[in-house]
Amino acid sequence: MKALLLENIHSEAVRALEGRGYQVELRSGALGEAELVDALEGVELLGIRSRTHITDTVLKAHPQLLAVGAFCIGTNQIDLPAAAAAGVAVFNAPYSNTRSVVELALGEIITMARRLGDKNASMHAGIWDKSANGSHEVRGRTLGIVGYGNIGSQLSVLAEAMGMKVYFYDVVDRLALGNATRVDSMQELFETCETISLHVDGRASNARLIGEREFAQMRPRTLFLNLCRGNVVDVDALAAALQSGHIAGAAVDVFPDEPKSKDEPFVSPLQGISNVVLTPHVGGSTLEAQVDIGRYVAGKLADYEAYGNTSMAVNLPEVSVPVPQAERILHLHRNVPGVLARLNHTLAGHNMNIGSQTLSTLGEYGYVVTDVSGQHYEGLLAELQALEESIRVRMI
């Protein structure tokens, strides 16, 4: 069983997979579609980060591929509907780098409030500028968080501990932590807060969520952070707002177009603007986070291949089952009435005894894990795969 890991995934993932008996190939960079199709020959498990895109073309070229692990939070680089239709499970790491992203956000808020980037550049240029002009404490300032999920809510707690007054907006009704205040619209948030930090996902509806109109709604001299998704912000509009002085500073870790490796040049309209902190998508890139992500996602991939577990899969029904004590049949199918009855009728036709059976559904898909015992396995998988509703059938 072979696994391919791309984009400098931490060696902890290699250790975890090799410890489970997998042959692992580790590559440093991202791959384009054609390169990926070539590289996936004979690969059952694939690990990526944010720059490699999994398309319908890639999935159709390699029906042997069982699962894709996104060793990061986001999965918008993966065609999730196509993966589900191909019977390929997708896993990510929704919690492992939360603390790392939050700490970077806090550090950048302080960096912008004190204009440390400009002070640092001046010192390297031999200029001793000890002026306090434009430098402020963060204590007592207002922080507006767009997206109050795992990262946004933890940022809320830590920012409040530093003396900031926190407001947040989310399309989902979420419980406010500490003394944070929920507002009813982004415009209200922008008009209320001096610092705005984005923490939303990469769904299509969030593309260019923040543009010229939204920057105009923000208070004069706002500090702005984007550590979530590159396509969420119109960077040309942000550059214009910074150059006009309406936005006093920005910290940006993600970009609409990012180099696939360090050998490709990085170009952005935000380069060269005062009090702008640019980082190369390193929000979750701490050793602690990468070790946790490597271990977590590698474990999910291995558990799916070896046991059929789909717990925390982002595109398939979730089933959590123990280590099999008998033969185990995994059946992913279209979620229509009568499938389970036809599955069990087929098993009965082969004199199979069912030891346990777990079914879960998610939208148009159903996934059933059945532990069986018997002696007449010949032709069984072929019959199950031939069922009209079957998508993928495996026996482990």
Protein backbone atom coordinates (compact mmCIF):
# COMPACT_ATOMS: atom_id res chain seq x y z
CA MET A 1 0.00 0.00 0.00
CA LYS A 2 1.54 3.30 -1.12
CA ALA A 3 1.09 6.84 0.19
CA LEU A 4 2.26 10.04 -1.53
CA LEU A 5 2.79 13.15 0.61
CA LEU A 6 3.32 16.54 -1.06
CA GLU A 7 4.15 20.13 -0.03
CA ASN A 8 6.62 19.49 2.80
CA ILE A 9 4.21 17.63 5.04
CA HIS A 10 5.88 17.04 8.39
CA SER A 11 7.96 13.90 8.85
CA GLU A 12 5.63 12.89 11.71
CA ALA A 13 3.14 11.87 9.01
CA VAL A 14 5.80 9.73 7.34
CA ARG A 15 6.66 8.10 10.67
CA ALA A 16 2.99 7.44 11.46
CA LEU A 17 2.22 5.89 8.07
CA GLU A 18 5.41 3.83 7.84
CA GLY A 19 4.67 2.59 11.35
CA ARG A 20 1.37 1.26 10.02
CA GLY A 21 3.13 -0.57 7.19
CA TYR A 22 2.70 1.88 4.29
CA GLN A 23 5.30 2.71 1.67
CA VAL A 24 5.62 6.51 1.77
CA GLU A 25 6.95 8.90 -0.86
CA LEU A 26 7.56 12.47 0.37
CA ARG A 27 7.89 15.41 -2.03
CA SER A 28 8.61 19.02 -1.14
CA GLY A 29 6.52 21.00 -3.63
CA ALA A 30 2.97 21.17 -4.94
CA LEU A 31 2.02 19.52 -8.23
CA GLY A 32 -0.09 20.75 -11.12
CA GLU A 33 -2.88 18.60 -12.53
CA ALA A 34 -0.84 16.79 -15.20
CA GLU A 35 2.09 16.23 -12.82
CA LEU A 36 -0.25 14.88 -10.17
CA VAL A 37 -1.89 12.45 -12.58
CA ASP A 38 1.56 11.04 -13.37
CA ALA A 39 2.68 10.94 -9.73
CA LEU A 40 -0.41 9.07 -8.48
CA GLU A 41 0.34 5.87 -10.37
CA GLY A 42 -0.05 3.05 -7.83
CA VAL A 43 -0.92 5.44 -4.97
CA GLU A 44 -3.84 4.68 -2.63
CA LEU A 45 -3.40 7.46 -0.05
CA LEU A 46 -2.56 11.07 -0.94
CA GLY A 47 -1.51 13.87 1.40
CA ILE A 48 -1.51 17.55 0.36
CA ARG A 49 -1.61 21.00 1.90
CA SER A 50 -3.18 24.06 0.29
CA ARG A 51 -1.46 24.48 -3.09
CA THR A 52 -2.15 21.13 -4.78
CA HIS A 53 -5.61 20.94 -6.36
CA ILE A 54 -7.55 17.68 -6.55
CA THR A 55 -9.81 17.86 -9.59
CA ASP A 56 -12.34 15.57 -11.18
CA THR A 57 -9.76 14.82 -13.88
CA VAL A 58 -7.25 13.63 -11.28
CA LEU A 59 -9.83 11.48 -9.50
CA LYS A 60 -11.08 9.84 -12.69
CA ALA A 61 -7.53 9.06 -13.79
CA HIS A 62 -6.85 7.02 -10.63
CA PRO A 63 -9.77 4.87 -9.48
CA GLN A 64 -7.40 3.05 -7.09
CA LEU A 65 -7.06 6.19 -4.93
CA LEU A 66 -8.84 5.59 -1.62
CA ALA A 67 -8.41 8.78 0.37
CA VAL A 68 -6.99 12.30 0.34
CA GLY A 69 -5.69 13.98 3.46
CA ALA A 70 -5.54 17.79 3.59
CA PHE A 71 -2.79 18.45 6.14
CA CYS A 72 -4.33 21.84 6.92
CA ILE A 73 -7.75 23.25 7.80
CA GLY A 74 -9.13 24.20 4.39
CA THR A 75 -10.43 21.80 1.75
CA ASN A 76 -11.45 24.23 -0.99
CA GLN A 77 -8.46 22.99 -3.05
CA ILE A 78 -10.28 19.64 -3.36
CA ASP A 79 -13.34 18.98 -5.53
CA LEU A 80 -15.31 17.43 -2.68
CA PRO A 81 -18.42 16.42 -4.68
CA ALA A 82 -16.23 14.72 -7.29
CA ALA A 83 -14.28 12.93 -4.56
CA ALA A 84 -17.48 11.63 -2.96
CA ALA A 85 -18.82 10.50 -6.32
CA ALA A 86 -15.56 8.61 -6.89
CA GLY A 87 -15.73 7.00 -3.45
CA VAL A 88 -12.63 8.86 -2.24
CA ALA A 89 -12.72 9.92 1.41
CA VAL A 90 -11.31 13.35 2.30
CA PHE A 91 -9.94 14.24 5.73
CA ASN A 92 -8.49 17.48 7.10
CA ALA A 93 -7.16 18.89 10.38
CA PRO A 94 -9.83 21.32 11.59
CA TYR A 95 -8.36 21.91 15.07
CA SER A 96 -4.64 21.11 15.08
CA ASN A 97 -3.29 24.53 14.10
CA THR A 98 -5.89 26.74 15.76
CA ARG A 99 -3.54 28.00 18.47
CA SER A 100 -0.77 28.75 15.97
CA VAL A 101 -3.04 30.91 13.79
CA VAL A 102 -4.41 32.76 16.83
CA GLU A 103 -0.93 33.53 18.17
CA LEU A 104 0.13 34.88 14.77
CA ALA A 105 -2.96 37.10 14.64
CA LEU A 106 -2.25 38.50 18.10
CA GLY A 107 1.39 39.12 17.23
CA GLU A 108 0.42 40.93 14.05
CA ILE A 109 -2.17 43.09 15.82
CA ILE A 110 0.56 44.29 18.18
CA THR A 111 3.04 44.65 15.31
CA MET A 112 0.68 46.91 13.38
CA ALA A 113 -0.49 48.89 16.42
CA ARG A 114 3.16 49.66 17.29
CA ARG A 115 4.25 49.93 13.62
CA LEU A 116 7.05 47.48 14.35
CA GLY A 117 7.46 46.50 10.70
CA ASP A 118 8.31 50.07 9.74
CA LYS A 119 10.54 50.51 12.80
CA ASN A 120 12.40 47.32 11.91
CA ALA A 121 12.89 48.42 8.29
CA SER A 122 14.19 51.81 9.45
CA MET A 123 16.69 50.22 11.81
CA HIS A 124 18.02 47.95 9.05
CA ALA A 125 18.39 51.07 6.90
CA GLY A 126 20.42 52.75 9.66
CA ILE A 127 17.64 55.14 10.77
CA TRP A 128 17.07 55.59 14.51
CA ASP A 129 13.40 56.67 14.68
CA LYS A 130 12.32 56.63 18.32
CA SER A 131 9.09 58.57 17.70
CA ALA A 132 5.86 57.32 19.28
CA ASN A 133 3.77 58.80 16.45
CA GLY A 134 1.20 56.27 15.24
CA SER A 135 2.09 53.72 17.95
CA HIS A 136 -0.65 52.51 20.29
CA GLU A 137 -1.30 49.91 22.95
CA VAL A 138 -3.86 47.25 22.05
CA ARG A 139 -5.39 47.45 25.53
CA GLY A 140 -8.75 49.17 25.30
CA ARG A 141 -8.99 48.88 21.51
CA THR A 142 -11.92 47.17 19.77
CA LEU A 143 -11.43 43.95 17.81
CA GLY A 144 -14.02 42.82 15.26
CA ILE A 145 -13.89 39.15 14.25
CA VAL A 146 -15.59 37.95 11.06
CA GLY A 147 -16.17 34.22 11.53
CA TYR A 148 -16.49 32.92 15.09
CA GLY A 149 -15.48 29.29 14.59
CA ASN A 150 -12.56 27.47 16.20
CA ILE A 151 -9.98 30.14 15.39
CA GLY A 152 -12.19 33.21 15.72
CA SER A 153 -13.54 32.19 19.11
CA GLN A 154 -10.10 31.36 20.54
CA LEU A 155 -8.77 34.69 19.24
CA SER A 156 -11.70 36.32 21.03
CA VAL A 157 -10.73 34.82 24.38
CA LEU A 158 -7.02 35.65 24.16
CA ALA A 159 -7.59 39.16 22.80
CA GLU A 160 -9.96 39.88 25.67
CA ALA A 161 -7.29 38.68 28.12
CA MET A 162 -5.03 41.39 26.62
CA GLY A 163 -7.62 44.05 27.37
CA MET A 164 -9.32 44.31 23.98
CA LYS A 165 -13.08 44.71 23.63
CA VAL A 166 -14.26 41.99 21.25
CA TYR A 167 -17.18 42.00 18.81
CA PHE A 168 -17.95 39.32 16.26
CA TYR A 169 -20.16 38.53 13.29
CA ASP A 170 -21.02 35.06 11.98
CA VAL A 171 -23.73 33.76 9.67
CA VAL A 172 -24.21 30.90 12.17
CA ASP A 173 -25.74 31.62 15.57
CA ARG A 174 -22.75 31.01 17.85
CA LEU A 175 -22.37 31.37 21.61
CA ALA A 176 -20.28 34.37 22.63
CA LEU A 177 -17.31 33.49 24.83
CA GLY A 178 -16.23 35.67 27.73
CA ASN A 179 -17.51 39.22 27.29
CA ALA A 180 -17.57 39.18 23.48
CA THR A 181 -20.54 40.86 21.81
CA ARG A 182 -22.33 39.53 18.75
CA VAL A 183 -23.42 42.04 16.10
CA ASP A 184 -26.06 41.60 13.42
CA SER A 185 -24.09 42.53 10.30
CA MET A 186 -20.60 42.98 8.96
CA GLN A 187 -21.31 46.66 8.38
CA GLU A 188 -22.14 47.10 12.07
CA LEU A 189 -18.90 45.32 12.94
CA PHE A 190 -16.87 47.51 10.58
CA GLU A 191 -18.44 50.71 11.93
CA THR A 192 -17.80 49.65 15.54
CA CYS A 193 -14.27 48.24 15.61
CA GLU A 194 -10.77 49.62 15.09
CA THR A 195 -9.24 46.26 14.19
CA ILE A 196 -10.87 43.71 11.85
CA SER A 197 -9.71 40.08 11.60
CA LEU A 198 -11.13 37.57 9.09
CA HIS A 199 -11.58 33.90 10.00
CA VAL A 200 -14.03 32.43 7.47
CA ASP A 201 -13.82 29.34 5.27
CA GLY A 202 -13.19 29.12 1.55
CA ARG A 203 -16.70 28.34 0.30
CA ALA A 204 -17.64 29.92 -3.02
CA SER A 205 -20.04 32.39 -1.39
CA ASN A 206 -17.12 33.90 0.56
CA ALA A 207 -15.13 34.81 -2.56
CA ARG A 208 -14.32 38.55 -2.49
CA LEU A 209 -16.31 38.91 0.69
CA ILE A 210 -14.28 42.03 1.45
CA GLY A 211 -13.86 44.60 -1.32
CA GLU A 212 -13.98 48.32 -2.01
CA ARG A 213 -17.44 48.77 -0.46
CA GLU A 214 -16.53 46.92 2.73
CA PHE A 215 -13.26 48.80 3.19
CA ALA A 216 -15.18 52.07 2.81
CA GLN A 217 -17.53 50.94 5.62
CA MET A 218 -14.62 50.45 8.02
CA ARG A 219 -13.62 53.15 10.46
CA PRO A 220 -10.83 55.49 9.34
CA ARG A 221 -7.39 54.14 10.29
CA THR A 222 -8.62 50.57 10.81
CA LEU A 223 -6.11 47.75 11.17
CA PHE A 224 -7.03 44.78 8.95
CA LEU A 225 -6.01 41.10 9.09
CA ASN A 226 -6.65 38.19 6.72
CA LEU A 227 -5.32 34.85 7.93
CA CYS A 228 -8.07 32.67 6.47
CA ARG A 229 -8.41 32.37 2.65
CA GLY A 230 -6.77 34.32 -0.14
CA ASN A 231 -9.88 34.62 -2.32
CA VAL A 232 -11.90 36.26 0.47
CA VAL A 233 -10.32 39.70 -0.02
CA ASP A 234 -9.98 41.90 -3.10
CA VAL A 235 -6.28 42.70 -2.62
CA ASP A 236 -6.35 45.53 -5.16
CA ALA A 237 -9.09 47.23 -3.13
CA LEU A 238 -7.08 46.64 0.05
CA ALA A 239 -3.97 48.16 -1.54
CA ALA A 240 -5.97 51.23 -2.59
CA ALA A 241 -7.45 51.63 0.91
CA LEU A 242 -3.97 51.39 2.45
CA GLN A 243 -2.43 53.88 0.03
CA SER A 244 -5.24 56.35 0.68
CA GLY A 245 -4.62 56.08 4.43
CA HIS A 246 -8.18 54.93 5.19
CA ILE A 247 -6.77 51.57 6.34
CA ALA A 248 -3.83 52.19 8.67
CA GLY A 249 -2.22 48.78 8.43
CA ALA A 250 -2.75 45.25 7.19
CA ALA A 251 -1.47 41.77 7.99
CA VAL A 252 -2.03 39.24 5.23
CA ASP A 253 -0.99 35.58 5.34
CA VAL A 254 -3.03 34.22 2.41
CA PHE A 255 -3.30 35.35 -1.20
CA PRO A 256 -5.48 34.68 -4.27
CA ASP A 257 -2.47 33.36 -6.18
CA GLU A 258 0.30 31.71 -4.21
CA PRO A 259 3.59 30.27 -5.52
CA LYS A 260 3.66 26.47 -5.69
CA SER A 261 7.18 26.46 -4.22
CA LYS A 262 9.85 28.81 -2.91
CA ASP A 263 11.44 28.78 -6.37
CA GLU A 264 8.52 30.74 -7.85
CA PRO A 265 8.43 34.52 -7.32
CA PHE A 266 5.76 36.11 -5.13
CA VAL A 267 4.04 39.19 -6.55
CA SER A 268 1.32 41.24 -4.85
CA PRO A 269 -0.03 44.81 -5.05
CA LEU A 270 0.47 44.92 -1.26
CA GLN A 271 4.25 44.82 -1.53
CA GLY A 272 6.10 47.97 -0.54
CA ILE A 273 3.21 49.61 1.35
CA SER A 274 3.94 51.04 4.81
CA ASN A 275 2.73 49.12 7.89
CA VAL A 276 1.80 46.03 5.90
CA VAL A 277 2.91 42.64 7.24
CA LEU A 278 3.05 39.93 4.56
CA THR A 279 3.69 36.30 5.48
CA PRO A 280 3.82 33.26 3.16
CA HIS A 281 0.75 31.31 4.37
CA VAL A 282 2.40 30.34 7.64
CA GLY A 283 -0.53 30.80 10.02
CA GLY A 284 -0.45 27.14 10.96
CA SER A 285 3.23 26.61 10.27
CA THR A 286 4.65 26.02 13.70
CA LEU A 287 6.50 22.84 14.58
CA GLU A 288 3.91 22.06 17.24
CA ALA A 289 1.00 22.40 14.82
CA GLN A 290 2.69 20.52 12.00
CA VAL A 291 3.55 17.59 14.26
CA ASP A 292 -0.06 17.41 15.47
CA ILE A 293 -1.43 17.74 11.93
CA GLY A 294 0.95 15.11 10.60
CA ARG A 295 -0.03 12.61 13.26
CA TYR A 296 -3.75 13.37 13.11
CA VAL A 297 -4.35 13.29 9.35
CA ALA A 298 -2.02 10.34 8.77
CA GLY A 299 -3.98 8.44 11.42
CA LYS A 300 -7.28 9.26 9.71
CA LEU A 301 -5.96 8.04 6.34
CA ALA A 302 -4.63 4.81 7.83
CA ASP A 303 -7.78 4.13 9.85
CA TYR A 304 -9.93 4.55 6.75
CA GLU A 305 -7.80 2.23 4.63
CA ALA A 306 -7.37 -0.41 7.35
CA TYR A 307 -10.72 -0.31 9.19
CA GLY A 308 -13.13 1.72 7.06
CA ASN A 309 -13.47 4.53 9.63
CA THR A 310 -14.80 7.79 8.18
CA SER A 311 -14.96 9.71 11.47
CA MET A 312 -14.30 13.42 10.69
CA ALA A 313 -14.38 12.86 6.92
CA VAL A 314 -15.56 16.05 5.24
CA ASN A 315 -17.32 14.53 2.23
CA LEU A 316 -18.67 11.11 3.26
CA PRO A 317 -21.08 9.84 5.94
CA GLU A 318 -19.28 9.40 9.25
CA VAL A 319 -18.90 5.89 10.65
CA SER A 320 -16.67 5.01 13.60
CA VAL A 321 -16.09 1.29 14.09
CA PRO A 322 -13.62 -0.79 16.13
CA VAL A 323 -10.81 -2.89 14.73
CA PRO A 324 -12.49 -5.69 12.75
CA GLN A 325 -12.60 -9.14 14.33
CA ALA A 326 -13.94 -10.74 11.15
CA GLU A 327 -14.12 -9.97 7.45
CA ARG A 328 -15.40 -6.44 6.95
CA ILE A 329 -17.29 -5.18 3.90
CA LEU A 330 -17.37 -1.45 3.19
CA HIS A 331 -20.17 -0.29 0.91
CA LEU A 332 -20.50 3.31 -0.25
CA HIS A 333 -23.69 3.86 -2.22
CA ARG A 334 -26.28 6.35 -3.36
CA ASN A 335 -28.71 7.08 -0.57
CA VAL A 336 -31.97 5.68 -1.92
CA PRO A 337 -34.57 3.40 -0.29
CA GLY A 338 -33.94 -0.33 -0.31
CA VAL A 339 -30.14 -0.40 -0.63
CA LEU A 340 -29.54 -2.00 2.76
CA ALA A 341 -32.12 -4.68 2.03
CA ARG A 342 -30.48 -5.50 -1.31
CA LEU A 343 -27.04 -5.55 0.32
CA ASN A 344 -28.18 -7.97 3.02
CA HIS A 345 -30.05 -10.11 0.48
CA THR A 346 -26.81 -10.47 -1.48
CA LEU A 347 -24.92 -11.40 1.69
CA ALA A 348 -27.58 -13.99 2.55
CA GLY A 349 -27.23 -15.46 -0.93
CA HIS A 350 -23.60 -16.23 -0.05
CA ASN A 351 -24.54 -17.68 3.35
CA MET A 352 -22.85 -14.79 5.16
CA ASN A 353 -23.57 -14.31 8.84
CA ILE A 354 -23.67 -10.64 9.91
CA GLY A 355 -21.79 -9.99 13.14
CA SER A 356 -22.35 -6.25 13.19
CA GLN A 357 -23.57 -3.57 10.82
CA THR A 358 -23.35 0.23 10.95
CA LEU A 359 -25.04 2.57 8.48
CA SER A 360 -24.71 6.33 8.14
CA THR A 361 -26.02 8.70 5.50
CA LEU A 362 -25.02 12.19 4.36
CA GLY A 363 -27.11 13.86 1.69
CA GLU A 364 -27.08 11.73 -1.44
CA TYR A 365 -24.62 9.16 -0.05
CA GLY A 366 -24.90 6.23 2.31
CA TYR A 367 -22.07 4.22 3.85
CA VAL A 368 -22.51 0.87 5.55
CA VAL A 369 -19.85 -1.15 7.34
CA THR A 370 -20.69 -4.82 7.80
CA ASP A 371 -18.65 -7.45 9.65
CA VAL A 372 -19.41 -10.90 8.27
CA SER A 373 -18.35 -14.51 8.59
CA GLY A 374 -18.85 -17.36 6.18
CA GLN A 375 -17.16 -19.51 3.58
CA HIS A 376 -18.62 -18.42 0.24
CA TYR A 377 -16.82 -15.17 -0.60
CA GLU A 378 -16.21 -15.96 -4.26
CA GLY A 379 -17.99 -13.44 -6.46
CA LEU A 380 -19.45 -11.56 -3.48
CA LEU A 381 -17.69 -8.23 -4.04
CA ALA A 382 -18.47 -8.32 -7.76
CA GLU A 383 -22.17 -8.84 -6.99
CA LEU A 384 -22.20 -5.99 -4.49
CA GLN A 385 -20.42 -3.65 -6.88
CA ALA A 386 -22.95 -4.60 -9.56
CA LEU A 387 -25.81 -3.26 -7.45
CA GLU A 388 -27.20 -0.21 -9.25
CA GLU A 389 -26.66 2.08 -6.26
CA SER A 390 -23.08 0.99 -5.47
CA ILE A 391 -20.25 3.52 -5.72
CA ARG A 392 -17.38 1.69 -4.06
CA VAL A 393 -17.10 -1.68 -2.37
CA ARG A 394 -14.11 -2.95 -0.40
CA MET A 395 -13.37 -5.91 1.84
CA ILE A 396 -10.77 -5.73 4.59
